[in-house]
Amino acid sequence: PYQLPAPPERGEFIAWSESNAVIYANSVLGARTVKHPDFLD
């Protein structure tokens, strides 16, 4: 989802599932999300 238009910004609180997306969002974008499991999303 980080490839979609207008990806999250640094410091933005989001709620992503999908492990690679969570790691990319936190690590590369500097957004904030824990690794939410399916159903909690």
All heavy atoms as atom14 arrays in JSON, in Angstrom:
{
  "sequence": "PYQLPAPPERGEFIAWSESNAVIYANSVLGARTVKHPDFLD",
  "atom14_mask": [
    [1, 1, 1, 1, 1, 1, 1, 0, 0, 0, 0, 0, 0, 0],
    [1, 1, 1, 1, 1, 1, 1, 1, 1, 1, 1, 1, 0, 0],
    [1, 1, 1, 1, 1, 1, 1, 1, 1, 0, 0, 0, 0, 0],
    [1, 1, 1, 1, 1, 1, 1, 1, 0, 0, 0, 0, 0, 0],
    [1, 1, 1, 1, 1, 1, 1, 0, 0, 0, 0, 0, 0, 0],
    [1, 1, 1, 1, 1, 0, 0, 0, 0, 0, 0, 0, 0, 0],
    [1, 1, 1, 1, 1, 1, 1, 0, 0, 0, 0, 0, 0, 0],
    [1, 1, 1, 1, 1, 1, 1, 0, 0, 0, 0, 0, 0, 0],
    [1, 1, 1, 1, 1, 1, 1, 1, 1, 0, 0, 0, 0, 0],
    [1, 1, 1, 1, 1, 1, 1, 1, 1, 1, 1, 0, 0, 0],
    [1, 1, 1, 1, 0, 0, 0, 0, 0, 0, 0, 0, 0, 0],
    [1, 1, 1, 1, 1, 1, 1, 1, 1, 0, 0, 0, 0, 0],
    [1, 1, 1, 1, 1, 1, 1, 1, 1, 1, 1, 0, 0, 0],
    [1, 1, 1, 1, 1, 1, 1, 1, 0, 0, 0, 0, 0, 0],
    [1, 1, 1, 1, 1, 0, 0, 0, 0, 0, 0, 0, 0, 0],
    [1, 1, 1, 1, 1, 1, 1, 1, 1, 1, 1, 1, 1, 1],
    [1, 1, 1, 1, 1, 1, 0, 0, 0, 0, 0, 0, 0, 0],
    [1, 1, 1, 1, 1, 1, 1, 1, 1, 0, 0, 0, 0, 0],
    [1, 1, 1, 1, 1, 1, 0, 0, 0, 0, 0, 0, 0, 0],
    [1, 1, 1, 1, 1, 1, 1, 1, 0, 0, 0, 0, 0, 0],
    [1, 1, 1, 1, 1, 0, 0, 0, 0, 0, 0, 0, 0, 0],
    [1, 1, 1, 1, 1, 1, 1, 0, 0, 0, 0, 0, 0, 0],
    [1, 1, 1, 1, 1, 1, 1, 1, 0, 0, 0, 0, 0, 0],
    [1, 1, 1, 1, 1, 1, 1, 1, 1, 1, 1, 1, 0, 0],
    [1, 1, 1, 1, 1, 0, 0, 0, 0, 0, 0, 0, 0, 0],
    [1, 1, 1, 1, 1, 1, 1, 1, 0, 0, 0, 0, 0, 0],
    [1, 1, 1, 1, 1, 1, 0, 0, 0, 0, 0, 0, 0, 0],
    [1, 1, 1, 1, 1, 1, 1, 0, 0, 0, 0, 0, 0, 0],
    [1, 1, 1, 1, 1, 1, 1, 1, 0, 0, 0, 0, 0, 0],
    [1, 1, 1, 1, 0, 0, 0, 0, 0, 0, 0, 0, 0, 0],
    [1, 1, 1, 1, 1, 0, 0, 0, 0, 0, 0, 0, 0, 0],
    [1, 1, 1, 1, 1, 1, 1, 1, 1, 1, 1, 0, 0, 0],
    [1, 1, 1, 1, 1, 1, 1, 0, 0, 0, 0, 0, 0, 0],
    [1, 1, 1, 1, 1, 1, 1, 0, 0, 0, 0, 0, 0, 0],
    [1, 1, 1, 1, 1, 1, 1, 1, 1, 0, 0, 0, 0, 0],
    [1, 1, 1, 1, 1, 1, 1, 1, 1, 1, 0, 0, 0, 0],
    [1, 1, 1, 1, 1, 1, 1, 0, 0, 0, 0, 0, 0, 0],
    [1, 1, 1, 1, 1, 1, 1, 1, 0, 0, 0, 0, 0, 0],
    [1, 1, 1, 1, 1, 1, 1, 1, 1, 1, 1, 0, 0, 0],
    [1, 1, 1, 1, 1, 1, 1, 1, 0, 0, 0, 0, 0, 0],
    [1, 1, 1, 1, 1, 1, 1, 1, 0, 0, 0, 0, 0, 0]
  ],
  "atom14_positions": [
    [[0.8, -1.23, 0.0], [0.0, 0.0, 0.0], [0.83, 1.26, 0.0], [0.32, 2.34, -0.33], [-0.83, -0.13, 1.29], [-0.04, -1.05, 2.16], [0.61, -2.02, 1.23], [0.0, 0.0, 0.0], [0.0, 0.0, 0.0], [0.0, 0.0, 0.0], [0.0, 0.0, 0.0], [0.0, 0.0, 0.0], [0.0, 0.0, 0.0], [0.0, 0.0, 0.0]],
    [[2.11, 1.17, 0.34], [3.0, 2.33, 0.3], [3.26, 2.77, -1.14], [3.8, 3.86, -1.37], [4.32, 2.01, 1.01], [4.84, 0.61, 0.77], [5.58, 0.31, -0.36], [4.55, -0.42, 1.65], [6.04, -0.98, -0.6], [5.01, -1.71, 1.43], [5.76, -1.99, 0.29], [6.2, -3.27, 0.07], [0.0, 0.0, 0.0], [0.0, 0.0, 0.0]],
    [[2.89, 1.95, -2.14], [3.01, 2.34, -3.54], [1.81, 3.13, -4.03], [1.85, 3.69, -5.13], [3.19, 1.09, -4.42], [4.47, 0.32, -4.16], [4.54, -0.98, -4.97], [3.57, -1.37, -5.62], [5.68, -1.65, -4.91], [0.0, 0.0, 0.0], [0.0, 0.0, 0.0], [0.0, 0.0, 0.0], [0.0, 0.0, 0.0], [0.0, 0.0, 0.0]],
    [[0.74, 3.19, -3.25], [-0.46, 3.92, -3.65], [-0.21, 5.43, -3.55], [0.71, 5.88, -2.86], [-1.63, 3.52, -2.75], [-2.07, 2.06, -2.84], [-3.11, 1.74, -1.77], [-2.62, 1.76, -4.23], [0.0, 0.0, 0.0], [0.0, 0.0, 0.0], [0.0, 0.0, 0.0], [0.0, 0.0, 0.0], [0.0, 0.0, 0.0], [0.0, 0.0, 0.0]],
    [[-1.02, 6.24, -4.23], [-0.86, 7.7, -4.14], [-1.0, 8.18, -2.7], [-1.73, 7.6, -1.89], [-2.0, 8.23, -5.01], [-2.32, 7.12, -5.95], [-2.08, 5.85, -5.18], [0.0, 0.0, 0.0], [0.0, 0.0, 0.0], [0.0, 0.0, 0.0], [0.0, 0.0, 0.0], [0.0, 0.0, 0.0], [0.0, 0.0, 0.0], [0.0, 0.0, 0.0]],
    [[-0.26, 9.22, -2.37], [-0.31, 9.86, -1.05], [-0.05, 8.87, 0.08], [-0.91, 8.63, 0.94], [-1.65, 10.58, -0.85], [0.0, 0.0, 0.0], [0.0, 0.0, 0.0], [0.0, 0.0, 0.0], [0.0, 0.0, 0.0], [0.0, 0.0, 0.0], [0.0, 0.0, 0.0], [0.0, 0.0, 0.0], [0.0, 0.0, 0.0], [0.0, 0.0, 0.0]],
    [[1.13, 8.24, 0.13], [1.43, 7.31, 1.21], [1.5, 8.03, 2.55], [1.58, 9.27, 2.61], [2.79, 6.73, 0.82], [3.4, 7.79, -0.05], [2.26, 8.4, -0.79], [0.0, 0.0, 0.0], [0.0, 0.0, 0.0], [0.0, 0.0, 0.0], [0.0, 0.0, 0.0], [0.0, 0.0, 0.0], [0.0, 0.0, 0.0], [0.0, 0.0, 0.0]],
    [[1.46, 7.31, 3.65], [1.51, 7.94, 4.97], [2.79, 8.78, 5.15], [3.84, 8.48, 4.57], [1.5, 6.75, 5.94], [0.89, 5.64, 5.16], [1.31, 5.84, 3.75], [0.0, 0.0, 0.0], [0.0, 0.0, 0.0], [0.0, 0.0, 0.0], [0.0, 0.0, 0.0], [0.0, 0.0, 0.0], [0.0, 0.0, 0.0], [0.0, 0.0, 0.0]],
    [[2.67, 9.79, 5.98], [3.79, 10.69, 6.24], [4.49, 10.29, 7.54], [3.95, 9.54, 8.36], [3.3, 12.13, 6.33], [2.65, 12.63, 5.05], [2.13, 14.05, 5.19], [2.16, 14.59, 6.33], [1.69, 14.62, 4.17], [0.0, 0.0, 0.0], [0.0, 0.0, 0.0], [0.0, 0.0, 0.0], [0.0, 0.0, 0.0], [0.0, 0.0, 0.0]],
    [[5.68, 10.83, 7.72], [6.43, 10.55, 8.94], [5.64, 11.02, 10.16], [5.12, 12.15, 10.19], [7.79, 11.24, 8.9], [8.64, 10.97, 10.14], [10.05, 11.5, 10.0], [10.82, 11.23, 11.21], [12.11, 11.5, 11.35], [12.78, 12.05, 10.33], [12.74, 11.23, 12.47], [0.0, 0.0, 0.0], [0.0, 0.0, 0.0], [0.0, 0.0, 0.0]],
    [[5.53, 10.15, 11.15], [4.83, 10.48, 12.38], [3.33, 10.25, 12.33], [2.65, 10.39, 13.36], [0.0, 0.0, 0.0], [0.0, 0.0, 0.0], [0.0, 0.0, 0.0], [0.0, 0.0, 0.0], [0.0, 0.0, 0.0], [0.0, 0.0, 0.0], [0.0, 0.0, 0.0], [0.0, 0.0, 0.0], [0.0, 0.0, 0.0], [0.0, 0.0, 0.0]],
    [[2.77, 9.87, 11.17], [1.33, 9.67, 11.05], [0.93, 8.34, 11.71], [1.57, 7.31, 11.49], [0.94, 9.65, 9.57], [-0.56, 9.52, 9.33], [-0.91, 9.58, 7.85], [-0.05, 9.97, 7.04], [-2.06, 9.21, 7.5], [0.0, 0.0, 0.0], [0.0, 0.0, 0.0], [0.0, 0.0, 0.0], [0.0, 0.0, 0.0], [0.0, 0.0, 0.0]],
    [[-0.11, 8.37, 12.51], [-0.61, 7.17, 13.18], [-1.59, 6.46, 12.25], [-2.65, 7.0, 11.92], [-1.3, 7.53, 14.49], [-0.35, 7.82, 15.62], [0.46, 8.95, 15.61], [-0.24, 6.95, 16.69], [1.35, 9.21, 16.63], [0.64, 7.2, 17.73], [1.44, 8.33, 17.7], [0.0, 0.0, 0.0], [0.0, 0.0, 0.0], [0.0, 0.0, 0.0]],
    [[-1.22, 5.26, 11.82], [-2.03, 4.47, 10.91], [-2.25, 3.09, 11.53], [-1.66, 2.78, 12.58], [-1.37, 4.35, 9.52], [-0.03, 3.59, 9.63], [-1.16, 5.73, 8.91], [0.65, 3.35, 8.29], [0.0, 0.0, 0.0], [0.0, 0.0, 0.0], [0.0, 0.0, 0.0], [0.0, 0.0, 0.0], [0.0, 0.0, 0.0], [0.0, 0.0, 0.0]],
    [[-3.06, 2.28, 10.91], [-3.29, 0.91, 11.4], [-3.24, -0.02, 10.2], [-4.23, -0.24, 9.52], [-4.63, 0.8, 12.12], [0.0, 0.0, 0.0], [0.0, 0.0, 0.0], [0.0, 0.0, 0.0], [0.0, 0.0, 0.0], [0.0, 0.0, 0.0], [0.0, 0.0, 0.0], [0.0, 0.0, 0.0], [0.0, 0.0, 0.0], [0.0, 0.0, 0.0]],
    [[-2.05, -0.55, 9.95], [-1.85, -1.44, 8.82], [-1.66, -2.87, 9.3], [-1.0, -3.12, 10.31], [-0.64, -1.01, 7.99], [-0.93, 0.1, 7.02], [-2.07, 0.83, 6.93], [-0.04, 0.62, 6.02], [-1.98, 1.76, 5.93], [-0.73, 1.66, 5.34], [1.24, 0.3, 5.61], [-0.17, 2.37, 4.3], [1.81, 1.01, 4.57], [1.12, 2.04, 3.92]],
    [[-2.24, -3.81, 8.56], [-1.86, -5.21, 8.63], [-1.0, -5.5, 7.39], [-0.8, -4.62, 6.56], [-3.09, -6.1, 8.67], [-3.76, -5.98, 9.9], [0.0, 0.0, 0.0], [0.0, 0.0, 0.0], [0.0, 0.0, 0.0], [0.0, 0.0, 0.0], [0.0, 0.0, 0.0], [0.0, 0.0, 0.0], [0.0, 0.0, 0.0], [0.0, 0.0, 0.0]],
    [[-0.54, -6.76, 7.24], [0.39, -7.2, 6.21], [1.81, -6.85, 6.69], [2.19, -5.69, 6.77], [0.14, -6.56, 4.86], [0.41, -7.43, 3.67], [1.8, -8.07, 3.59], [2.81, -7.44, 3.9], [1.85, -9.24, 3.19], [0.0, 0.0, 0.0], [0.0, 0.0, 0.0], [0.0, 0.0, 0.0], [0.0, 0.0, 0.0], [0.0, 0.0, 0.0]],
    [[2.55, -7.89, 7.0], [3.81, -7.7, 7.71], [4.8, -6.83, 6.95], [5.43, -5.94, 7.54], [4.44, -9.05, 8.05], [4.64, -9.82, 6.87], [0.0, 0.0, 0.0], [0.0, 0.0, 0.0], [0.0, 0.0, 0.0], [0.0, 0.0, 0.0], [0.0, 0.0, 0.0], [0.0, 0.0, 0.0], [0.0, 0.0, 0.0], [0.0, 0.0, 0.0]],
    [[4.96, -7.03, 5.63], [5.94, -6.23, 4.93], [5.53, -4.76, 4.89], [6.37, -3.86, 4.98], [6.16, -6.77, 3.5], [5.39, -6.02, 2.44], [5.82, -4.99, 1.94], [4.2, -6.51, 2.09], [0.0, 0.0, 0.0], [0.0, 0.0, 0.0], [0.0, 0.0, 0.0], [0.0, 0.0, 0.0], [0.0, 0.0, 0.0], [0.0, 0.0, 0.0]],
    [[4.21, -4.51, 4.78], [3.73, -3.13, 4.74], [3.95, -2.43, 6.07], [4.32, -1.24, 6.11], [2.25, -3.12, 4.36], [0.0, 0.0, 0.0], [0.0, 0.0, 0.0], [0.0, 0.0, 0.0], [0.0, 0.0, 0.0], [0.0, 0.0, 0.0], [0.0, 0.0, 0.0], [0.0, 0.0, 0.0], [0.0, 0.0, 0.0], [0.0, 0.0, 0.0]],
    [[3.73, -3.15, 7.16], [3.95, -2.58, 8.49], [5.42, -2.2, 8.65], [5.76, -1.09, 9.11], [3.53, -3.58, 9.58], [4.0, -3.14, 10.95], [2.01, -3.76, 9.57], [0.0, 0.0, 0.0], [0.0, 0.0, 0.0], [0.0, 0.0, 0.0], [0.0, 0.0, 0.0], [0.0, 0.0, 0.0], [0.0, 0.0, 0.0], [0.0, 0.0, 0.0]],
    [[6.31, -3.11, 8.28], [7.74, -2.86, 8.46], [8.19, -1.72, 7.57], [8.96, -0.85, 7.99], [8.54, -4.15, 8.18], [8.17, -5.21, 9.23], [10.04, -3.89, 8.22], [8.65, -6.61, 8.89], [0.0, 0.0, 0.0], [0.0, 0.0, 0.0], [0.0, 0.0, 0.0], [0.0, 0.0, 0.0], [0.0, 0.0, 0.0], [0.0, 0.0, 0.0]],
    [[7.7, -1.67, 6.34], [8.06, -0.58, 5.43], [7.55, 0.77, 5.95], [8.26, 1.77, 5.93], [7.52, -0.86, 4.04], [8.05, 0.06, 2.96], [9.11, -0.33, 2.16], [7.5, 1.32, 2.75], [9.6, 0.5, 1.16], [7.99, 2.16, 1.76], [9.05, 1.75, 0.97], [9.53, 2.59, 0.0], [0.0, 0.0, 0.0], [0.0, 0.0, 0.0]],
    [[6.3, 0.78, 6.4], [5.72, 2.04, 6.89], [6.51, 2.6, 8.06], [6.84, 3.79, 8.1], [4.26, 1.82, 7.29], [0.0, 0.0, 0.0], [0.0, 0.0, 0.0], [0.0, 0.0, 0.0], [0.0, 0.0, 0.0], [0.0, 0.0, 0.0], [0.0, 0.0, 0.0], [0.0, 0.0, 0.0], [0.0, 0.0, 0.0], [0.0, 0.0, 0.0]],
    [[6.8, 1.74, 9.03], [7.57, 2.2, 10.19], [9.0, 2.56, 9.84], [9.52, 3.59, 10.27], [7.58, 1.09, 11.26], [6.29, 1.0, 12.04], [5.73, 1.98, 12.48], [5.8, -0.23, 12.21], [0.0, 0.0, 0.0], [0.0, 0.0, 0.0], [0.0, 0.0, 0.0], [0.0, 0.0, 0.0], [0.0, 0.0, 0.0], [0.0, 0.0, 0.0]],
    [[9.65, 1.7, 9.07], [11.09, 1.81, 8.85], [11.43, 2.87, 7.81], [12.3, 3.72, 8.05], [11.66, 0.46, 8.4], [11.31, -0.57, 9.28], [0.0, 0.0, 0.0], [0.0, 0.0, 0.0], [0.0, 0.0, 0.0], [0.0, 0.0, 0.0], [0.0, 0.0, 0.0], [0.0, 0.0, 0.0], [0.0, 0.0, 0.0], [0.0, 0.0, 0.0]],
    [[10.76, 2.83, 6.65], [11.14, 3.67, 5.51], [10.38, 4.98, 5.5], [10.95, 6.04, 5.22], [10.92, 2.89, 4.2], [11.32, 3.74, 3.0], [11.72, 1.59, 4.21], [0.0, 0.0, 0.0], [0.0, 0.0, 0.0], [0.0, 0.0, 0.0], [0.0, 0.0, 0.0], [0.0, 0.0, 0.0], [0.0, 0.0, 0.0], [0.0, 0.0, 0.0]],
    [[9.07, 4.93, 5.79], [8.26, 6.14, 5.78], [8.3, 6.9, 7.1], [8.04, 8.1, 7.13], [6.8, 5.79, 5.45], [6.55, 5.06, 4.13], [5.06, 4.8, 3.95], [7.11, 5.86, 2.95], [0.0, 0.0, 0.0], [0.0, 0.0, 0.0], [0.0, 0.0, 0.0], [0.0, 0.0, 0.0], [0.0, 0.0, 0.0], [0.0, 0.0, 0.0]],
    [[8.61, 6.19, 8.2], [8.58, 6.85, 9.5], [7.17, 7.05, 10.04], [6.97, 7.8, 10.99], [0.0, 0.0, 0.0], [0.0, 0.0, 0.0], [0.0, 0.0, 0.0], [0.0, 0.0, 0.0], [0.0, 0.0, 0.0], [0.0, 0.0, 0.0], [0.0, 0.0, 0.0], [0.0, 0.0, 0.0], [0.0, 0.0, 0.0], [0.0, 0.0, 0.0]],
    [[6.18, 6.4, 9.4], [4.83, 6.41, 9.96], [4.8, 5.48, 11.17], [5.8, 4.83, 11.49], [3.82, 5.97, 8.9], [0.0, 0.0, 0.0], [0.0, 0.0, 0.0], [0.0, 0.0, 0.0], [0.0, 0.0, 0.0], [0.0, 0.0, 0.0], [0.0, 0.0, 0.0], [0.0, 0.0, 0.0], [0.0, 0.0, 0.0], [0.0, 0.0, 0.0]],
    [[3.65, 5.4, 11.84], [3.58, 4.59, 13.06], [2.41, 3.62, 13.0], [1.26, 4.02, 12.87], [3.46, 5.48, 14.3], [4.66, 6.39, 14.46], [4.79, 6.98, 15.83], [6.05, 7.71, 15.94], [6.55, 8.18, 17.08], [5.88, 7.99, 18.21], [7.69, 8.83, 17.09], [0.0, 0.0, 0.0], [0.0, 0.0, 0.0], [0.0, 0.0, 0.0]],
    [[2.75, 2.34, 13.09], [1.73, 1.3, 13.18], [2.36, 0.07, 13.8], [3.51, -0.24, 13.52], [1.15, 0.94, 11.8], [0.2, -0.12, 11.95], [2.22, 0.52, 10.81], [0.0, 0.0, 0.0], [0.0, 0.0, 0.0], [0.0, 0.0, 0.0], [0.0, 0.0, 0.0], [0.0, 0.0, 0.0], [0.0, 0.0, 0.0], [0.0, 0.0, 0.0]],
    [[1.62, -0.6, 14.65], [2.06, -1.9, 15.09], [1.62, -2.93, 14.05], [0.89, -2.61, 13.11], [1.51, -2.26, 16.49], [1.89, -1.2, 17.52], [0.02, -2.45, 16.47], [0.0, 0.0, 0.0], [0.0, 0.0, 0.0], [0.0, 0.0, 0.0], [0.0, 0.0, 0.0], [0.0, 0.0, 0.0], [0.0, 0.0, 0.0], [0.0, 0.0, 0.0]],
    [[2.07, -4.16, 14.2], [1.71, -5.22, 13.26], [0.34, -5.77, 13.68], [0.25, -6.74, 14.41], [2.77, -6.31, 13.24], [2.6, -7.32, 12.12], [3.58, -8.47, 12.26], [4.99, -8.06, 11.95], [5.91, -9.23, 11.95], [0.0, 0.0, 0.0], [0.0, 0.0, 0.0], [0.0, 0.0, 0.0], [0.0, 0.0, 0.0], [0.0, 0.0, 0.0]],
    [[-0.72, -5.1, 13.19], [-2.07, -5.51, 13.59], [-2.43, -6.84, 12.94], [-2.29, -7.01, 11.72], [-3.08, -4.46, 13.19], [-2.94, -3.17, 13.93], [-3.14, -3.08, 15.29], [-2.57, -1.93, 13.51], [-2.93, -1.83, 15.67], [-2.58, -1.11, 14.62], [0.0, 0.0, 0.0], [0.0, 0.0, 0.0], [0.0, 0.0, 0.0], [0.0, 0.0, 0.0]],
    [[-2.93, -7.79, 13.69], [-3.33, -9.07, 13.11], [-4.64, -8.95, 12.34], [-5.41, -8.0, 12.51], [-3.5, -9.97, 14.34], [-3.81, -9.03, 15.46], [-3.08, -7.75, 15.15], [0.0, 0.0, 0.0], [0.0, 0.0, 0.0], [0.0, 0.0, 0.0], [0.0, 0.0, 0.0], [0.0, 0.0, 0.0], [0.0, 0.0, 0.0], [0.0, 0.0, 0.0]],
    [[-4.86, -9.94, 11.46], [-6.15, -10.01, 10.78], [-7.29, -9.99, 11.79], [-7.16, -10.54, 12.89], [-6.24, -11.31, 9.97], [-5.36, -11.29, 8.74], [-4.55, -10.37, 8.62], [-5.48, -12.22, 7.92], [0.0, 0.0, 0.0], [0.0, 0.0, 0.0], [0.0, 0.0, 0.0], [0.0, 0.0, 0.0], [0.0, 0.0, 0.0], [0.0, 0.0, 0.0]],
    [[-8.38, -9.37, 11.43], [-9.59, -9.19, 12.21], [-9.51, -7.94, 13.07], [-10.47, -7.18, 13.14], [-9.95, -10.41, 13.09], [-9.94, -11.72, 12.37], [-9.44, -12.85, 12.96], [-10.43, -11.83, 11.08], [-9.44, -14.08, 12.3], [-10.43, -13.04, 10.4], [-9.92, -14.17, 11.02], [0.0, 0.0, 0.0], [0.0, 0.0, 0.0], [0.0, 0.0, 0.0]],
    [[-8.37, -7.71, 13.73], [-8.24, -6.45, 14.47], [-8.18, -5.28, 13.5], [-8.64, -4.18, 13.82], [-7.0, -6.47, 15.36], [-6.82, -5.26, 16.28], [-8.01, -5.11, 17.23], [-5.51, -5.35, 17.06], [0.0, 0.0, 0.0], [0.0, 0.0, 0.0], [0.0, 0.0, 0.0], [0.0, 0.0, 0.0], [0.0, 0.0, 0.0], [0.0, 0.0, 0.0]],
    [[-7.63, -5.5, 12.3], [-7.58, -4.42, 11.32], [-8.99, -3.9, 11.02], [-9.23, -2.68, 10.98], [-6.86, -4.85, 10.04], [-7.3, -6.21, 9.49], [-8.37, -6.72, 9.9], [-6.58, -6.77, 8.64], [0.0, 0.0, 0.0], [0.0, 0.0, 0.0], [0.0, 0.0, 0.0], [0.0, 0.0, 0.0], [0.0, 0.0, 0.0], [0.0, 0.0, 0.0]]
  ]
}
